[in-house]
Amino acid sequence: MIGDAMRTIESVILLRSKVERLNEELAATNAQVRRVVDSVIQINGRLIRLEAFEEVRSGVRPLPRIER
């Protein structure tokens, strides 16, 4: 009976350690995903500006007026 309790406690301690390690890995993965998302947002913004530039260059869109 006491042996079962000790094995249960050891199992709980090992599982807790594994959960903590997985949480650390998940946090690192989330940080990587955030960096990728930020890069995609930056690239998307550049593509939108490039598309607008190409439309102006090709005459599809008039050159925007600069207000002073």
N, C-alpha and C. Protein backbone atom coordinates (compact mmCIF):
# COMPACT_ATOMS: atom_id res chain seq x y z
N MET A 1 0.83 -1.20 0.00
CA MET A 1 0.00 0.00 0.00
C MET A 1 0.87 1.27 0.00
N ILE A 2 1.83 1.32 0.92
CA ILE A 2 2.73 2.48 0.97
C ILE A 2 3.58 2.52 -0.30
N GLY A 3 3.96 1.35 -0.79
CA GLY A 3 4.73 1.29 -2.04
C GLY A 3 3.95 1.86 -3.21
N ASP A 4 2.65 1.56 -3.28
CA ASP A 4 1.80 2.11 -4.35
C ASP A 4 1.72 3.63 -4.25
N ALA A 5 1.58 4.12 -3.04
CA ALA A 5 1.50 5.57 -2.83
C ALA A 5 2.80 6.24 -3.26
N MET A 6 3.91 5.62 -2.92
CA MET A 6 5.22 6.19 -3.31
C MET A 6 5.38 6.20 -4.83
N ARG A 7 4.97 5.10 -5.48
CA ARG A 7 5.05 5.06 -6.95
C ARG A 7 4.14 6.10 -7.58
N THR A 8 2.97 6.30 -6.99
CA THR A 8 2.04 7.32 -7.50
C THR A 8 2.66 8.71 -7.35
N ILE A 9 3.26 8.98 -6.20
CA ILE A 9 3.90 10.28 -5.99
C ILE A 9 5.05 10.47 -6.98
N GLU A 10 5.85 9.44 -7.19
CA GLU A 10 6.95 9.54 -8.16
C GLU A 10 6.41 9.79 -9.57
N SER A 11 5.32 9.12 -9.93
CA SER A 11 4.72 9.31 -11.25
C SER A 11 4.22 10.74 -11.41
N VAL A 12 3.59 11.26 -10.36
CA VAL A 12 3.09 12.64 -10.41
C VAL A 12 4.24 13.62 -10.56
N ILE A 13 5.32 13.41 -9.85
CA ILE A 13 6.48 14.30 -9.94
C ILE A 13 7.07 14.24 -11.35
N LEU A 14 7.20 13.04 -11.92
CA LEU A 14 7.73 12.91 -13.28
C LEU A 14 6.80 13.58 -14.30
N LEU A 15 5.50 13.37 -14.13
CA LEU A 15 4.55 14.00 -15.06
C LEU A 15 4.60 15.52 -14.97
N ARG A 16 4.73 16.03 -13.75
CA ARG A 16 4.81 17.48 -13.57
C ARG A 16 6.05 18.04 -14.27
N SER A 17 7.15 17.32 -14.14
CA SER A 17 8.39 17.73 -14.79
C SER A 17 8.22 17.74 -16.32
N LYS A 18 7.56 16.70 -16.83
CA LYS A 18 7.33 16.65 -18.28
C LYS A 18 6.43 17.79 -18.74
N VAL A 19 5.40 18.08 -17.97
CA VAL A 19 4.48 19.17 -18.32
C VAL A 19 5.22 20.51 -18.32
N GLU A 20 6.06 20.74 -17.33
CA GLU A 20 6.84 21.98 -17.28
C GLU A 20 7.76 22.10 -18.50
N ARG A 21 8.40 20.99 -18.87
CA ARG A 21 9.29 21.01 -20.04
C ARG A 21 8.49 21.28 -21.31
N LEU A 22 7.32 20.65 -21.43
CA LEU A 22 6.48 20.89 -22.61
C LEU A 22 5.99 22.34 -22.67
N ASN A 23 5.67 22.91 -21.50
CA ASN A 23 5.25 24.32 -21.47
C ASN A 23 6.38 25.24 -21.94
N GLU A 24 7.61 24.92 -21.55
CA GLU A 24 8.76 25.71 -22.01
C GLU A 24 8.93 25.60 -23.52
N GLU A 25 8.79 24.38 -24.04
CA GLU A 25 8.90 24.18 -25.49
C GLU A 25 7.78 24.91 -26.22
N LEU A 26 6.58 24.88 -25.66
CA LEU A 26 5.45 25.57 -26.28
C LEU A 26 5.67 27.08 -26.29
N ALA A 27 6.21 27.61 -25.21
CA ALA A 27 6.50 29.05 -25.15
C ALA A 27 7.52 29.43 -26.22
N ALA A 28 8.54 28.59 -26.39
CA ALA A 28 9.55 28.87 -27.42
C ALA A 28 8.94 28.80 -28.81
N THR A 29 8.08 27.81 -29.03
CA THR A 29 7.42 27.68 -30.33
C THR A 29 6.51 28.88 -30.59
N ASN A 30 5.78 29.32 -29.58
CA ASN A 30 4.91 30.48 -29.73
C ASN A 30 5.72 31.73 -30.09
N ALA A 31 6.89 31.87 -29.48
CA ALA A 31 7.74 33.02 -29.81
C ALA A 31 8.19 32.95 -31.27
N GLN A 32 8.53 31.76 -31.74
CA GLN A 32 8.94 31.60 -33.14
C GLN A 32 7.77 31.92 -34.06
N VAL A 33 6.58 31.45 -33.72
CA VAL A 33 5.39 31.72 -34.55
C VAL A 33 5.12 33.22 -34.60
N ARG A 34 5.25 33.90 -33.46
CA ARG A 34 5.04 35.36 -33.45
C ARG A 34 6.03 36.06 -34.37
N ARG A 35 7.29 35.62 -34.38
CA ARG A 35 8.29 36.24 -35.27
C ARG A 35 7.93 36.00 -36.73
N VAL A 36 7.47 34.79 -37.05
CA VAL A 36 7.08 34.48 -38.43
C VAL A 36 5.87 35.33 -38.84
N VAL A 37 4.89 35.44 -37.96
CA VAL A 37 3.69 36.25 -38.26
C VAL A 37 4.09 37.70 -38.48
N ASP A 38 4.96 38.24 -37.63
CA ASP A 38 5.42 39.62 -37.80
C ASP A 38 6.11 39.80 -39.15
N SER A 39 6.92 38.82 -39.55
CA SER A 39 7.60 38.90 -40.85
C SER A 39 6.59 38.86 -42.00
N VAL A 40 5.60 38.00 -41.88
CA VAL A 40 4.57 37.92 -42.93
C VAL A 40 3.81 39.23 -43.03
N ILE A 41 3.50 39.84 -41.90
CA ILE A 41 2.80 41.13 -41.92
C ILE A 41 3.65 42.19 -42.61
N GLN A 42 4.95 42.21 -42.31
CA GLN A 42 5.84 43.18 -42.94
C GLN A 42 5.91 42.94 -44.45
N ILE A 43 6.05 41.69 -44.84
CA ILE A 43 6.13 41.35 -46.27
C ILE A 43 4.83 41.73 -46.97
N ASN A 44 3.70 41.45 -46.34
CA ASN A 44 2.41 41.79 -46.92
C ASN A 44 2.29 43.30 -47.13
N GLY A 45 2.75 44.08 -46.15
CA GLY A 45 2.71 45.54 -46.30
C GLY A 45 3.58 46.00 -47.46
N ARG A 46 4.74 45.38 -47.62
CA ARG A 46 5.62 45.74 -48.74
C ARG A 46 4.98 45.37 -50.07
N LEU A 47 4.32 44.21 -50.12
CA LEU A 47 3.66 43.78 -51.37
C LEU A 47 2.52 44.73 -51.73
N ILE A 48 1.77 45.17 -50.73
CA ILE A 48 0.67 46.11 -50.99
C ILE A 48 1.23 47.41 -51.55
N ARG A 49 2.32 47.90 -50.95
CA ARG A 49 2.92 49.15 -51.46
C ARG A 49 3.48 48.96 -52.87
N LEU A 50 4.11 47.81 -53.11
CA LEU A 50 4.65 47.52 -54.43
C LEU A 50 3.52 47.43 -55.46
N GLU A 51 2.42 46.79 -55.09
CA GLU A 51 1.28 46.68 -56.01
C GLU A 51 0.73 48.07 -56.34
N ALA A 52 0.62 48.93 -55.34
CA ALA A 52 0.14 50.30 -55.58
C ALA A 52 1.10 51.05 -56.49
N PHE A 53 2.41 50.88 -56.25
CA PHE A 53 3.41 51.53 -57.09
C PHE A 53 3.28 51.06 -58.54
N GLU A 54 3.12 49.74 -58.72
CA GLU A 54 2.98 49.20 -60.08
C GLU A 54 1.72 49.73 -60.75
N GLU A 55 0.64 49.88 -60.00
CA GLU A 55 -0.60 50.42 -60.58
C GLU A 55 -0.41 51.87 -61.02
N VAL A 56 0.31 52.65 -60.21
CA VAL A 56 0.59 54.04 -60.59
C VAL A 56 1.50 54.07 -61.81
N ARG A 57 2.54 53.23 -61.78
CA ARG A 57 3.51 53.20 -62.88
C ARG A 57 2.86 52.80 -64.20
N SER A 58 1.92 51.87 -64.12
CA SER A 58 1.29 51.40 -65.36
C SER A 58 0.11 52.27 -65.78
N GLY A 59 -0.25 53.25 -64.96
CA GLY A 59 -1.33 54.15 -65.32
C GLY A 59 -2.71 53.68 -64.87
N VAL A 60 -2.78 52.57 -64.19
CA VAL A 60 -4.08 52.07 -63.71
C VAL A 60 -4.62 52.95 -62.60
N ARG A 61 -3.73 53.45 -61.79
CA ARG A 61 -4.13 54.31 -60.67
C ARG A 61 -3.40 55.64 -60.80
N PRO A 62 -4.11 56.74 -60.57
CA PRO A 62 -3.42 58.04 -60.66
C PRO A 62 -2.45 58.22 -59.48
N LEU A 63 -1.45 59.05 -59.71
CA LEU A 63 -0.47 59.35 -58.67
C LEU A 63 -1.18 60.06 -57.53
N PRO A 64 -1.01 59.60 -56.30
CA PRO A 64 -1.68 60.27 -55.18
C PRO A 64 -1.18 61.69 -55.01
N ARG A 65 -2.10 62.57 -54.66
CA ARG A 65 -1.74 63.96 -54.44
C ARG A 65 -1.24 64.13 -53.01
N ILE A 66 -0.19 64.91 -52.85
CA ILE A 66 0.36 65.17 -51.53
C ILE A 66 -0.21 66.50 -51.04
N GLU A 67 -0.92 66.44 -49.93
CA GLU A 67 -1.51 67.65 -49.33
C GLU A 67 -0.46 68.32 -48.46
N ARG A 68 -0.39 69.64 -48.54
CA ARG A 68 0.57 70.37 -47.70
C ARG A 68 -0.14 71.27 -46.73
